[in-house]
N, C-alpha and C. Protein backbone atom coordinates (compact mmCIF):
# COMPACT_ATOMS: atom_id res chain seq x y z
N UNK A 1 -20.05 44.08 -98.21
CA UNK A 1 -19.72 44.67 -96.92
C UNK A 1 -20.19 43.73 -95.80
N UNK A 2 -19.37 43.46 -94.86
CA UNK A 2 -19.67 42.54 -93.75
C UNK A 2 -20.43 43.28 -92.68
N UNK A 3 -21.66 42.80 -92.41
CA UNK A 3 -22.48 43.47 -91.40
C UNK A 3 -22.75 42.58 -90.20
N UNK A 4 -22.14 41.37 -90.14
CA UNK A 4 -22.28 40.46 -89.00
C UNK A 4 -23.53 39.62 -89.02
N UNK A 5 -24.32 39.72 -90.11
CA UNK A 5 -25.58 38.98 -90.16
C UNK A 5 -25.32 37.48 -90.17
N UNK A 6 -24.35 37.03 -90.99
CA UNK A 6 -24.05 35.60 -91.08
C UNK A 6 -23.56 35.05 -89.74
N UNK A 7 -22.77 35.86 -89.02
CA UNK A 7 -22.24 35.40 -87.72
C UNK A 7 -23.37 35.20 -86.71
N UNK A 8 -24.38 36.12 -86.72
CA UNK A 8 -25.51 35.99 -85.80
C UNK A 8 -26.34 34.75 -86.16
N UNK A 9 -26.48 34.50 -87.46
CA UNK A 9 -27.24 33.31 -87.86
C UNK A 9 -26.54 32.03 -87.40
N UNK A 10 -25.20 32.03 -87.49
CA UNK A 10 -24.47 30.84 -87.03
C UNK A 10 -24.66 30.61 -85.54
N UNK A 11 -24.64 31.74 -84.78
CA UNK A 11 -24.83 31.60 -83.32
C UNK A 11 -26.24 31.12 -83.00
N UNK A 12 -27.23 31.55 -83.75
CA UNK A 12 -28.60 31.11 -83.52
C UNK A 12 -28.76 29.61 -83.77
N UNK A 13 -27.94 29.09 -84.71
CA UNK A 13 -28.05 27.66 -84.99
C UNK A 13 -27.28 26.80 -83.97
N UNK A 14 -26.33 27.41 -83.19
CA UNK A 14 -25.53 26.67 -82.19
C UNK A 14 -26.30 26.58 -80.88
N UNK A 15 -27.21 25.66 -80.80
CA UNK A 15 -28.02 25.47 -79.60
C UNK A 15 -27.62 24.18 -78.88
N UNK A 16 -27.66 24.24 -77.51
CA UNK A 16 -27.35 23.04 -76.72
C UNK A 16 -28.48 22.05 -76.82
N UNK A 17 -28.13 20.79 -76.77
CA UNK A 17 -29.11 19.73 -76.82
C UNK A 17 -28.93 18.82 -75.61
N UNK A 18 -30.02 18.51 -74.92
CA UNK A 18 -29.99 17.64 -73.76
C UNK A 18 -30.84 16.42 -74.08
N UNK A 19 -30.19 15.28 -74.20
CA UNK A 19 -30.91 14.05 -74.48
C UNK A 19 -31.29 13.33 -73.20
N UNK A 20 -32.06 12.26 -73.32
CA UNK A 20 -32.49 11.48 -72.16
C UNK A 20 -31.31 10.81 -71.47
N UNK A 21 -30.29 10.45 -72.23
CA UNK A 21 -29.10 9.83 -71.64
C UNK A 21 -28.37 10.78 -70.71
N UNK A 22 -28.23 12.04 -71.16
CA UNK A 22 -27.56 13.04 -70.31
C UNK A 22 -28.33 13.27 -69.03
N UNK A 23 -29.67 13.30 -69.15
CA UNK A 23 -30.50 13.51 -67.97
C UNK A 23 -30.37 12.36 -66.98
N UNK A 24 -30.30 11.15 -67.50
CA UNK A 24 -30.15 9.98 -66.62
C UNK A 24 -28.82 10.02 -65.89
N UNK A 25 -27.76 10.40 -66.61
CA UNK A 25 -26.43 10.49 -65.97
C UNK A 25 -26.43 11.54 -64.87
N UNK A 26 -27.09 12.68 -65.14
CA UNK A 26 -27.15 13.75 -64.15
C UNK A 26 -27.89 13.30 -62.88
N UNK A 27 -29.04 12.64 -63.09
CA UNK A 27 -29.81 12.16 -61.95
C UNK A 27 -29.01 11.12 -61.15
N UNK A 28 -28.30 10.25 -61.88
CA UNK A 28 -27.49 9.24 -61.20
C UNK A 28 -26.40 9.88 -60.35
N UNK A 29 -25.77 10.95 -60.87
CA UNK A 29 -24.73 11.63 -60.12
C UNK A 29 -25.30 12.26 -58.85
N UNK A 30 -26.49 12.84 -58.97
CA UNK A 30 -27.12 13.44 -57.80
C UNK A 30 -27.42 12.38 -56.74
N UNK A 31 -27.95 11.23 -57.19
CA UNK A 31 -28.26 10.16 -56.24
C UNK A 31 -27.00 9.62 -55.55
N UNK A 32 -25.95 9.44 -56.33
CA UNK A 32 -24.69 8.94 -55.75
C UNK A 32 -24.15 9.93 -54.73
N UNK A 33 -24.21 11.23 -55.06
CA UNK A 33 -23.73 12.24 -54.13
C UNK A 33 -24.56 12.24 -52.85
N UNK A 34 -25.88 12.07 -52.98
CA UNK A 34 -26.75 12.06 -51.81
C UNK A 34 -26.45 10.85 -50.92
N UNK A 35 -26.26 9.67 -51.55
CA UNK A 35 -25.94 8.47 -50.78
C UNK A 35 -24.60 8.62 -50.07
N UNK A 36 -23.61 9.15 -50.80
CA UNK A 36 -22.29 9.35 -50.20
C UNK A 36 -22.35 10.31 -49.03
N UNK A 37 -23.14 11.37 -49.18
CA UNK A 37 -23.28 12.33 -48.08
C UNK A 37 -23.93 11.67 -46.87
N UNK A 38 -24.95 10.83 -47.12
CA UNK A 38 -25.60 10.13 -46.01
C UNK A 38 -24.64 9.20 -45.28
N UNK A 39 -23.83 8.47 -46.04
CA UNK A 39 -22.85 7.57 -45.44
C UNK A 39 -21.84 8.35 -44.60
N UNK A 40 -21.36 9.46 -45.13
CA UNK A 40 -20.39 10.27 -44.40
C UNK A 40 -20.98 10.81 -43.11
N UNK A 41 -22.24 11.26 -43.15
CA UNK A 41 -22.89 11.80 -41.95
C UNK A 41 -23.05 10.71 -40.90
N UNK A 42 -23.51 9.52 -41.35
CA UNK A 42 -23.68 8.41 -40.40
C UNK A 42 -22.35 7.98 -39.80
N UNK A 43 -21.31 7.93 -40.65
CA UNK A 43 -19.99 7.54 -40.16
C UNK A 43 -19.46 8.56 -39.16
N UNK A 44 -19.63 9.84 -39.47
CA UNK A 44 -19.18 10.88 -38.55
C UNK A 44 -19.90 10.79 -37.21
N UNK A 45 -21.21 10.53 -37.25
CA UNK A 45 -21.97 10.39 -36.01
C UNK A 45 -21.51 9.20 -35.19
N UNK A 46 -21.24 8.07 -35.88
CA UNK A 46 -20.77 6.87 -35.19
C UNK A 46 -19.40 7.10 -34.56
N UNK A 47 -18.51 7.74 -35.31
CA UNK A 47 -17.17 8.01 -34.79
C UNK A 47 -17.22 8.95 -33.59
N UNK A 48 -18.10 9.94 -33.65
CA UNK A 48 -18.24 10.88 -32.55
C UNK A 48 -18.75 10.16 -31.30
N UNK A 49 -19.75 9.30 -31.49
CA UNK A 49 -20.29 8.55 -30.36
C UNK A 49 -19.23 7.62 -29.76
N UNK A 50 -18.46 6.95 -30.62
CA UNK A 50 -17.41 6.05 -30.14
C UNK A 50 -16.33 6.82 -29.39
N UNK A 51 -15.98 8.00 -29.93
CA UNK A 51 -14.95 8.81 -29.28
C UNK A 51 -15.41 9.29 -27.91
N UNK A 52 -16.68 9.68 -27.80
CA UNK A 52 -17.20 10.12 -26.51
C UNK A 52 -17.21 8.98 -25.51
N UNK A 53 -17.62 7.79 -25.96
CA UNK A 53 -17.66 6.63 -25.08
C UNK A 53 -16.26 6.24 -24.63
N UNK A 54 -15.31 6.26 -25.56
CA UNK A 54 -13.93 5.93 -25.22
C UNK A 54 -13.35 6.95 -24.24
N UNK A 55 -13.69 8.22 -24.46
CA UNK A 55 -13.22 9.27 -23.56
C UNK A 55 -13.77 9.10 -22.16
N UNK A 56 -15.05 8.73 -22.05
CA UNK A 56 -15.65 8.52 -20.74
C UNK A 56 -15.00 7.33 -20.04
N UNK A 57 -14.76 6.25 -20.77
CA UNK A 57 -14.14 5.08 -20.17
C UNK A 57 -12.72 5.38 -19.71
N UNK A 58 -11.98 6.12 -20.54
CA UNK A 58 -10.61 6.48 -20.16
C UNK A 58 -10.61 7.37 -18.93
N UNK A 59 -11.56 8.30 -18.86
CA UNK A 59 -11.66 9.18 -17.71
C UNK A 59 -11.99 8.39 -16.44
N UNK A 60 -12.90 7.42 -16.56
CA UNK A 60 -13.26 6.61 -15.41
C UNK A 60 -12.09 5.78 -14.92
N UNK A 61 -11.29 5.26 -15.85
CA UNK A 61 -10.14 4.46 -15.46
C UNK A 61 -9.10 5.29 -14.71
N UNK A 62 -9.04 6.57 -15.00
CA UNK A 62 -8.08 7.45 -14.33
C UNK A 62 -8.60 7.91 -12.99
N UNK A 63 -9.89 8.28 -12.92
CA UNK A 63 -10.44 8.91 -11.73
C UNK A 63 -11.14 7.94 -10.77
N UNK A 64 -11.86 6.95 -11.29
CA UNK A 64 -12.65 6.06 -10.43
C UNK A 64 -11.76 4.97 -9.85
N UNK A 65 -11.07 5.33 -8.80
CA UNK A 65 -10.17 4.37 -8.16
C UNK A 65 -10.05 4.69 -6.67
N UNK A 66 -9.38 3.79 -5.97
CA UNK A 66 -9.18 3.93 -4.54
C UNK A 66 -7.74 4.33 -4.25
N UNK A 67 -7.55 5.03 -3.14
CA UNK A 67 -6.22 5.48 -2.73
C UNK A 67 -5.94 4.97 -1.32
N UNK A 68 -4.75 4.44 -1.13
CA UNK A 68 -4.34 3.96 0.19
C UNK A 68 -3.86 5.12 1.04
N UNK A 69 -4.32 5.20 2.27
CA UNK A 69 -3.85 6.24 3.19
C UNK A 69 -2.86 5.69 4.21
N UNK A 70 -3.03 4.44 4.63
CA UNK A 70 -2.09 3.81 5.56
C UNK A 70 -2.30 2.30 5.55
N UNK A 71 -1.25 1.57 5.91
CA UNK A 71 -1.34 0.11 5.97
C UNK A 71 -0.55 -0.40 7.15
N UNK A 72 -1.13 -1.30 7.92
CA UNK A 72 -0.44 -1.94 9.04
C UNK A 72 -0.48 -3.45 8.87
N UNK A 73 0.49 -4.11 9.48
CA UNK A 73 0.53 -5.57 9.45
C UNK A 73 0.58 -6.14 10.85
N UNK A 74 -0.14 -7.24 11.06
CA UNK A 74 -0.15 -7.91 12.36
C UNK A 74 0.99 -8.93 12.41
N UNK A 75 1.78 -8.87 13.48
CA UNK A 75 2.96 -9.72 13.61
C UNK A 75 2.62 -10.96 14.45
N UNK A 76 3.02 -12.14 13.96
CA UNK A 76 2.79 -13.39 14.69
C UNK A 76 3.95 -13.66 15.65
N UNK A 77 3.79 -14.72 16.44
CA UNK A 77 4.85 -15.12 17.35
C UNK A 77 6.08 -15.60 16.60
N UNK A 78 5.89 -16.01 15.35
CA UNK A 78 7.03 -16.48 14.53
C UNK A 78 7.68 -15.35 13.75
N UNK A 79 7.33 -14.10 14.10
CA UNK A 79 7.91 -12.91 13.46
C UNK A 79 7.62 -12.88 11.95
N UNK A 80 6.36 -13.11 11.61
CA UNK A 80 5.89 -12.95 10.24
C UNK A 80 4.62 -12.10 10.27
N UNK A 81 4.25 -11.56 9.11
CA UNK A 81 3.02 -10.77 8.99
C UNK A 81 1.89 -11.71 8.57
N UNK A 82 0.83 -11.77 9.40
CA UNK A 82 -0.27 -12.69 9.12
C UNK A 82 -1.55 -11.99 8.67
N UNK A 83 -1.61 -10.68 8.81
CA UNK A 83 -2.81 -9.95 8.41
C UNK A 83 -2.45 -8.54 7.98
N UNK A 84 -3.09 -8.08 6.92
CA UNK A 84 -2.90 -6.73 6.40
C UNK A 84 -4.16 -5.92 6.63
N UNK A 85 -4.01 -4.72 7.17
CA UNK A 85 -5.13 -3.79 7.31
C UNK A 85 -4.79 -2.52 6.53
N UNK A 86 -5.49 -2.32 5.43
CA UNK A 86 -5.21 -1.20 4.53
C UNK A 86 -6.38 -0.23 4.54
N UNK A 87 -6.11 1.00 4.93
CA UNK A 87 -7.14 2.03 4.95
C UNK A 87 -7.22 2.69 3.58
N UNK A 88 -8.44 2.74 3.02
CA UNK A 88 -8.65 3.24 1.67
C UNK A 88 -9.65 4.38 1.65
N UNK A 89 -9.51 5.25 0.66
CA UNK A 89 -10.46 6.32 0.41
C UNK A 89 -10.62 6.49 -1.09
N UNK A 90 -11.58 7.30 -1.51
CA UNK A 90 -11.76 7.59 -2.93
C UNK A 90 -10.65 8.51 -3.43
N UNK A 91 -10.22 8.28 -4.67
CA UNK A 91 -9.27 9.20 -5.29
C UNK A 91 -9.97 10.53 -5.60
N UNK A 92 -9.23 11.63 -5.66
CA UNK A 92 -9.85 12.93 -5.99
C UNK A 92 -10.61 12.86 -7.30
N UNK A 93 -11.86 13.32 -7.30
CA UNK A 93 -12.69 13.31 -8.50
C UNK A 93 -13.35 11.99 -8.81
N UNK A 94 -13.15 11.00 -7.97
CA UNK A 94 -13.70 9.67 -8.25
C UNK A 94 -15.20 9.63 -7.99
N UNK A 95 -15.90 8.83 -8.79
CA UNK A 95 -17.30 8.52 -8.53
C UNK A 95 -17.38 7.41 -7.49
N UNK A 96 -18.59 6.93 -7.22
CA UNK A 96 -18.77 5.88 -6.22
C UNK A 96 -18.00 4.62 -6.61
N UNK A 97 -17.43 3.94 -5.61
CA UNK A 97 -16.70 2.69 -5.84
C UNK A 97 -17.27 1.62 -4.91
N UNK A 98 -17.74 0.53 -5.52
CA UNK A 98 -18.29 -0.58 -4.76
C UNK A 98 -17.18 -1.59 -4.47
N UNK A 99 -16.96 -1.89 -3.19
CA UNK A 99 -15.88 -2.80 -2.81
C UNK A 99 -16.16 -4.22 -3.27
N UNK A 100 -17.43 -4.58 -3.45
CA UNK A 100 -17.76 -5.92 -3.95
C UNK A 100 -17.31 -6.11 -5.38
N UNK A 101 -17.19 -5.02 -6.14
CA UNK A 101 -16.77 -5.09 -7.54
C UNK A 101 -15.28 -4.85 -7.71
N UNK A 102 -14.56 -4.77 -6.61
CA UNK A 102 -13.13 -4.48 -6.64
C UNK A 102 -12.33 -5.78 -6.52
N UNK A 103 -11.21 -5.85 -7.23
CA UNK A 103 -10.32 -7.01 -7.14
C UNK A 103 -8.92 -6.54 -6.77
N UNK A 104 -8.12 -7.48 -6.27
CA UNK A 104 -6.73 -7.18 -5.90
C UNK A 104 -5.82 -8.24 -6.51
N UNK A 105 -4.78 -7.78 -7.17
CA UNK A 105 -3.73 -8.68 -7.65
C UNK A 105 -2.57 -8.56 -6.66
N UNK A 106 -2.31 -9.64 -5.94
CA UNK A 106 -1.29 -9.64 -4.88
C UNK A 106 -0.04 -10.34 -5.42
N UNK A 107 1.09 -9.64 -5.42
CA UNK A 107 2.31 -10.18 -6.02
C UNK A 107 3.46 -10.08 -5.03
N UNK A 108 4.15 -11.21 -4.80
CA UNK A 108 5.36 -11.24 -3.99
C UNK A 108 6.42 -12.06 -4.74
N UNK A 109 7.59 -12.15 -4.15
CA UNK A 109 8.66 -12.93 -4.78
C UNK A 109 8.33 -14.42 -4.82
N UNK A 110 7.38 -14.85 -3.96
CA UNK A 110 7.03 -16.27 -3.92
C UNK A 110 5.84 -16.63 -4.79
N UNK A 111 5.21 -15.65 -5.42
CA UNK A 111 4.08 -15.94 -6.29
C UNK A 111 3.06 -14.82 -6.28
N UNK A 112 1.93 -15.08 -6.93
CA UNK A 112 0.88 -14.07 -7.02
C UNK A 112 -0.48 -14.70 -6.72
N UNK A 113 -1.42 -13.87 -6.28
CA UNK A 113 -2.77 -14.33 -5.96
C UNK A 113 -3.77 -13.30 -6.44
N UNK A 114 -4.93 -13.78 -6.86
CA UNK A 114 -6.04 -12.91 -7.25
C UNK A 114 -7.04 -12.94 -6.11
N UNK A 115 -7.38 -11.75 -5.58
CA UNK A 115 -8.28 -11.66 -4.44
C UNK A 115 -9.57 -10.96 -4.85
N UNK A 116 -10.69 -11.48 -4.36
CA UNK A 116 -12.00 -10.88 -4.63
C UNK A 116 -12.69 -10.64 -3.29
N UNK A 117 -13.83 -9.97 -3.35
CA UNK A 117 -14.60 -9.68 -2.16
C UNK A 117 -15.00 -10.95 -1.44
N UNK A 118 -14.87 -10.95 -0.11
CA UNK A 118 -15.26 -12.11 0.68
C UNK A 118 -16.75 -12.37 0.65
N UNK A 119 -17.55 -11.38 0.20
CA UNK A 119 -18.99 -11.57 0.12
C UNK A 119 -19.42 -12.30 -1.15
N UNK A 120 -18.51 -12.46 -2.10
CA UNK A 120 -18.85 -13.17 -3.33
C UNK A 120 -18.85 -14.67 -3.09
N UNK A 121 -19.88 -15.33 -3.55
CA UNK A 121 -19.98 -16.77 -3.45
C UNK A 121 -19.07 -17.40 -4.51
N UNK A 122 -18.39 -18.48 -4.16
CA UNK A 122 -17.51 -19.13 -5.12
C UNK A 122 -18.27 -19.62 -6.35
N UNK A 123 -19.55 -19.97 -6.17
CA UNK A 123 -20.34 -20.42 -7.31
C UNK A 123 -20.60 -19.27 -8.28
N UNK A 124 -20.53 -18.02 -7.79
CA UNK A 124 -20.73 -16.87 -8.66
C UNK A 124 -19.49 -16.59 -9.50
N UNK A 125 -18.32 -16.77 -8.93
CA UNK A 125 -17.09 -16.50 -9.66
C UNK A 125 -16.69 -17.66 -10.56
N UNK A 126 -17.10 -18.90 -10.17
CA UNK A 126 -16.75 -20.06 -10.98
C UNK A 126 -15.36 -20.58 -10.71
N UNK A 127 -14.56 -19.84 -9.93
CA UNK A 127 -13.19 -20.23 -9.63
C UNK A 127 -12.91 -19.89 -8.17
N UNK A 128 -12.06 -20.68 -7.56
CA UNK A 128 -11.70 -20.42 -6.17
C UNK A 128 -10.59 -19.37 -6.13
N UNK A 129 -10.91 -18.21 -5.56
CA UNK A 129 -9.93 -17.14 -5.40
C UNK A 129 -9.69 -16.90 -3.92
N UNK A 130 -8.61 -16.19 -3.63
CA UNK A 130 -8.44 -15.65 -2.30
C UNK A 130 -9.45 -14.53 -2.10
N UNK A 131 -9.58 -14.08 -0.87
CA UNK A 131 -10.57 -13.02 -0.63
C UNK A 131 -10.06 -11.99 0.36
N UNK A 132 -10.74 -10.88 0.37
CA UNK A 132 -10.49 -9.83 1.35
C UNK A 132 -11.84 -9.41 1.93
N UNK A 133 -11.79 -8.83 3.10
CA UNK A 133 -12.99 -8.30 3.74
C UNK A 133 -12.73 -6.84 4.08
N UNK A 134 -13.74 -6.17 4.61
CA UNK A 134 -13.57 -4.77 4.98
C UNK A 134 -14.52 -4.38 6.09
N UNK A 135 -14.24 -3.23 6.64
CA UNK A 135 -15.12 -2.64 7.63
C UNK A 135 -15.05 -1.12 7.47
N UNK A 136 -16.11 -0.46 7.87
CA UNK A 136 -16.18 0.99 7.73
C UNK A 136 -15.40 1.66 8.86
N UNK A 137 -14.51 2.57 8.50
CA UNK A 137 -13.82 3.39 9.48
C UNK A 137 -14.53 4.71 9.67
N UNK A 138 -14.92 5.32 8.54
CA UNK A 138 -15.75 6.52 8.56
C UNK A 138 -16.71 6.44 7.40
N UNK A 139 -18.00 6.56 7.69
CA UNK A 139 -19.03 6.30 6.68
C UNK A 139 -19.76 7.58 6.31
N UNK A 140 -19.04 8.52 5.71
CA UNK A 140 -19.66 9.76 5.25
C UNK A 140 -19.84 10.76 6.37
N UNK A 141 -20.05 12.02 6.01
CA UNK A 141 -20.23 13.07 7.03
C UNK A 141 -21.53 12.92 7.80
N UNK A 142 -22.53 12.24 7.20
CA UNK A 142 -23.84 12.09 7.84
C UNK A 142 -24.11 10.65 8.25
N UNK A 143 -23.05 9.82 8.27
CA UNK A 143 -23.20 8.41 8.63
C UNK A 143 -24.31 7.76 7.81
N UNK A 144 -24.17 7.84 6.47
CA UNK A 144 -25.21 7.30 5.59
C UNK A 144 -25.13 5.79 5.42
N UNK A 145 -24.14 5.16 6.04
CA UNK A 145 -23.99 3.69 6.02
C UNK A 145 -23.82 3.13 4.61
N UNK A 146 -23.25 3.92 3.73
CA UNK A 146 -23.04 3.42 2.36
C UNK A 146 -22.04 2.28 2.33
N UNK A 147 -21.05 2.31 3.25
CA UNK A 147 -20.05 1.25 3.28
C UNK A 147 -20.60 0.02 3.99
N UNK A 148 -21.16 0.22 5.15
CA UNK A 148 -21.61 -0.92 5.95
C UNK A 148 -22.80 -1.64 5.34
N UNK A 149 -23.67 -0.92 4.64
CA UNK A 149 -24.88 -1.54 4.09
C UNK A 149 -24.79 -1.80 2.59
N UNK A 150 -24.12 -0.91 1.84
CA UNK A 150 -24.06 -1.05 0.38
C UNK A 150 -22.67 -1.36 -0.14
N UNK A 151 -21.69 -1.48 0.74
CA UNK A 151 -20.30 -1.78 0.35
C UNK A 151 -19.73 -0.73 -0.60
N UNK A 152 -20.19 0.51 -0.48
CA UNK A 152 -19.82 1.54 -1.46
C UNK A 152 -19.25 2.78 -0.78
N UNK A 153 -18.10 3.22 -1.27
CA UNK A 153 -17.55 4.51 -0.87
C UNK A 153 -18.15 5.55 -1.80
N UNK A 154 -18.87 6.52 -1.25
CA UNK A 154 -19.55 7.49 -2.11
C UNK A 154 -19.29 8.93 -1.70
N UNK A 155 -18.34 9.14 -0.80
CA UNK A 155 -18.04 10.49 -0.34
C UNK A 155 -16.53 10.62 -0.10
N UNK A 156 -15.94 11.80 -0.37
CA UNK A 156 -14.50 11.95 -0.17
C UNK A 156 -14.02 11.67 1.26
N UNK A 157 -14.92 11.79 2.24
CA UNK A 157 -14.50 11.55 3.62
C UNK A 157 -14.66 10.09 4.03
N UNK A 158 -15.27 9.27 3.17
CA UNK A 158 -15.43 7.85 3.49
C UNK A 158 -14.07 7.18 3.64
N UNK A 159 -13.99 6.30 4.64
CA UNK A 159 -12.77 5.52 4.86
C UNK A 159 -13.18 4.08 5.16
N UNK A 160 -12.54 3.15 4.47
CA UNK A 160 -12.79 1.73 4.70
C UNK A 160 -11.47 1.04 5.01
N UNK A 161 -11.51 0.09 5.94
CA UNK A 161 -10.33 -0.70 6.26
C UNK A 161 -10.48 -2.05 5.58
N UNK A 162 -9.57 -2.33 4.65
CA UNK A 162 -9.59 -3.60 3.93
C UNK A 162 -8.67 -4.58 4.63
N UNK A 163 -9.19 -5.76 4.93
CA UNK A 163 -8.43 -6.80 5.64
C UNK A 163 -8.06 -7.93 4.69
N UNK A 164 -6.78 -8.29 4.70
CA UNK A 164 -6.30 -9.42 3.90
C UNK A 164 -5.59 -10.39 4.84
N UNK A 165 -6.15 -11.58 4.98
CA UNK A 165 -5.54 -12.61 5.81
C UNK A 165 -4.48 -13.36 5.02
N UNK A 166 -3.32 -13.54 5.63
CA UNK A 166 -2.22 -14.28 5.01
C UNK A 166 -2.07 -15.62 5.74
N UNK A 167 -1.65 -16.64 5.01
CA UNK A 167 -1.54 -17.98 5.59
C UNK A 167 -0.08 -18.42 5.62
N UNK A 168 0.21 -19.35 6.54
CA UNK A 168 1.59 -19.85 6.63
C UNK A 168 1.83 -20.95 5.61
N UNK A 169 3.04 -21.43 5.56
CA UNK A 169 3.42 -22.41 4.54
C UNK A 169 2.63 -23.70 4.68
N UNK A 170 2.27 -24.06 5.90
CA UNK A 170 1.53 -25.31 6.13
C UNK A 170 0.16 -25.27 5.49
N UNK A 171 -0.51 -24.10 5.60
CA UNK A 171 -1.87 -23.97 5.09
C UNK A 171 -1.92 -23.50 3.65
N UNK A 172 -0.80 -23.05 3.09
CA UNK A 172 -0.80 -22.45 1.76
C UNK A 172 -1.22 -23.43 0.67
N UNK A 173 -0.96 -24.74 0.87
CA UNK A 173 -1.32 -25.72 -0.17
C UNK A 173 -2.82 -25.91 -0.27
N UNK A 174 -3.54 -25.62 0.80
CA UNK A 174 -4.98 -25.82 0.81
C UNK A 174 -5.75 -24.50 0.83
N UNK A 175 -5.10 -23.43 0.47
CA UNK A 175 -5.74 -22.12 0.53
C UNK A 175 -5.34 -21.29 -0.68
N UNK A 176 -6.26 -20.42 -1.09
CA UNK A 176 -5.95 -19.50 -2.19
C UNK A 176 -5.48 -18.15 -1.66
N UNK A 177 -5.35 -18.04 -0.34
CA UNK A 177 -4.88 -16.80 0.26
C UNK A 177 -3.38 -16.64 0.06
N UNK A 178 -2.90 -15.39 0.03
CA UNK A 178 -1.46 -15.16 -0.08
C UNK A 178 -0.73 -15.69 1.17
N UNK A 179 0.55 -15.93 1.01
CA UNK A 179 1.36 -16.44 2.11
C UNK A 179 1.80 -15.31 3.02
N UNK A 180 2.12 -15.67 4.27
CA UNK A 180 2.62 -14.70 5.24
C UNK A 180 3.90 -14.04 4.73
N UNK A 181 4.13 -12.81 5.19
CA UNK A 181 5.30 -12.06 4.77
C UNK A 181 6.38 -12.11 5.85
N UNK A 182 7.60 -12.32 5.41
CA UNK A 182 8.74 -12.35 6.33
C UNK A 182 9.34 -10.96 6.44
N UNK A 183 10.19 -10.78 7.43
CA UNK A 183 10.87 -9.51 7.62
C UNK A 183 11.70 -9.16 6.39
N UNK A 184 11.64 -7.91 5.98
CA UNK A 184 12.39 -7.45 4.82
C UNK A 184 11.75 -7.78 3.48
N UNK A 185 10.64 -8.50 3.48
CA UNK A 185 10.00 -8.89 2.22
C UNK A 185 9.12 -7.76 1.69
N UNK A 186 8.92 -7.76 0.39
CA UNK A 186 8.10 -6.73 -0.28
C UNK A 186 6.92 -7.39 -0.99
N UNK A 187 5.77 -6.74 -0.89
CA UNK A 187 4.57 -7.21 -1.59
C UNK A 187 3.96 -6.05 -2.36
N UNK A 188 3.34 -6.37 -3.48
CA UNK A 188 2.69 -5.35 -4.31
C UNK A 188 1.22 -5.71 -4.47
N UNK A 189 0.35 -4.78 -4.09
CA UNK A 189 -1.09 -4.99 -4.22
C UNK A 189 -1.64 -4.03 -5.26
N UNK A 190 -2.15 -4.57 -6.35
CA UNK A 190 -2.76 -3.77 -7.40
C UNK A 190 -4.28 -3.84 -7.24
N UNK A 191 -4.87 -2.71 -6.83
CA UNK A 191 -6.29 -2.64 -6.55
C UNK A 191 -6.99 -2.12 -7.80
N UNK A 192 -7.96 -2.89 -8.31
CA UNK A 192 -8.64 -2.55 -9.56
C UNK A 192 -10.14 -2.43 -9.28
N UNK A 193 -10.72 -1.29 -9.61
CA UNK A 193 -12.16 -1.08 -9.42
C UNK A 193 -12.92 -1.58 -10.64
N UNK A 194 -14.24 -1.55 -10.54
CA UNK A 194 -15.09 -2.08 -11.62
C UNK A 194 -14.85 -1.36 -12.94
N UNK A 195 -14.63 -0.05 -12.90
CA UNK A 195 -14.44 0.72 -14.13
C UNK A 195 -13.03 0.59 -14.69
N UNK A 196 -12.15 -0.13 -14.01
CA UNK A 196 -10.79 -0.34 -14.50
C UNK A 196 -9.77 0.58 -13.88
N UNK A 197 -10.17 1.41 -12.93
CA UNK A 197 -9.21 2.27 -12.25
C UNK A 197 -8.25 1.46 -11.41
N UNK A 198 -6.96 1.70 -11.57
CA UNK A 198 -5.94 0.90 -10.90
C UNK A 198 -5.13 1.74 -9.93
N UNK A 199 -4.82 1.14 -8.77
CA UNK A 199 -3.94 1.75 -7.79
C UNK A 199 -2.97 0.67 -7.33
N UNK A 200 -1.68 0.94 -7.43
CA UNK A 200 -0.67 -0.03 -7.01
C UNK A 200 -0.05 0.43 -5.70
N UNK A 201 -0.12 -0.44 -4.71
CA UNK A 201 0.42 -0.16 -3.38
C UNK A 201 1.59 -1.11 -3.13
N UNK A 202 2.75 -0.56 -2.83
CA UNK A 202 3.92 -1.38 -2.52
C UNK A 202 4.12 -1.41 -1.01
N UNK A 203 4.12 -2.62 -0.46
CA UNK A 203 4.25 -2.81 0.99
C UNK A 203 5.63 -3.40 1.30
N UNK A 204 6.35 -2.75 2.20
CA UNK A 204 7.68 -3.20 2.58
C UNK A 204 7.69 -3.53 4.06
N UNK A 205 8.01 -4.79 4.36
CA UNK A 205 8.05 -5.24 5.76
C UNK A 205 9.38 -4.79 6.37
N UNK A 206 9.36 -4.25 7.59
CA UNK A 206 10.62 -3.85 8.25
C UNK A 206 11.58 -5.02 8.38
N UNK A 207 12.86 -4.71 8.51
CA UNK A 207 13.88 -5.76 8.59
C UNK A 207 13.80 -6.55 9.89
N UNK A 208 13.21 -5.95 10.91
CA UNK A 208 13.08 -6.65 12.19
C UNK A 208 11.64 -6.59 12.67
N UNK A 209 11.09 -7.76 13.04
CA UNK A 209 9.73 -7.84 13.57
C UNK A 209 9.71 -8.34 15.01
N UNK A 210 10.84 -8.61 15.56
CA UNK A 210 10.93 -9.17 16.91
C UNK A 210 10.37 -8.20 17.95
N UNK A 211 9.54 -8.74 18.85
CA UNK A 211 9.01 -7.95 19.94
C UNK A 211 7.93 -6.98 19.55
N UNK A 212 7.36 -7.11 18.34
CA UNK A 212 6.32 -6.18 17.86
C UNK A 212 5.02 -6.92 17.61
N UNK A 213 3.93 -6.25 17.91
CA UNK A 213 2.61 -6.82 17.64
C UNK A 213 2.07 -6.39 16.30
N UNK A 214 2.42 -5.20 15.86
CA UNK A 214 2.02 -4.69 14.55
C UNK A 214 3.05 -3.70 14.08
N UNK A 215 3.10 -3.53 12.75
CA UNK A 215 4.08 -2.61 12.16
C UNK A 215 3.43 -1.85 11.01
N UNK A 216 3.98 -0.69 10.72
CA UNK A 216 3.54 0.09 9.57
C UNK A 216 4.24 -0.42 8.33
N UNK A 217 3.49 -0.64 7.28
CA UNK A 217 4.05 -1.16 6.03
C UNK A 217 4.07 -0.08 4.95
């Protein structure tokens, strides 16, 4: 008669065995998993930091820039534009912008010029560039002199007048300044701040300059 005794004895003899080799493999798997987890955590942290930095830089390039409010040109006796006066303010949401750290790419049909702050020494730039100057039109609600003393627009009400001198054909060979503008001519000024914020201003000279001392561009 079968009473299951033999079956229980067989089960009692079926015991698991763990050798030193199995233990070593198990420990190795745990170590590999721990190392992999550490690498993933470090990589995730690095990627997050890089993404935050890239986001901040992209935001600064969009917001930290200057905006043109008006531009006038001075008319010479030869009916050409010899000086540009461009009124600038901070773009909405922009942080402080230092005019010394700002550059201008000036482009016309006759060529292009790179302009830097007139306060920069040529030995500092290493190259001879054209230059622009400025003056404060409105220096904050409390007249904090941020523009006149620190060359910095730091308030939405700040206004600075940027001056760009243009030269005639006779002087153009010995100067890095842009050439004078004729009637009907178009110029493009790309203003770039230190953080990379760009503003492109297109200036169009009226078709007639006769009898005028200055014109709106």
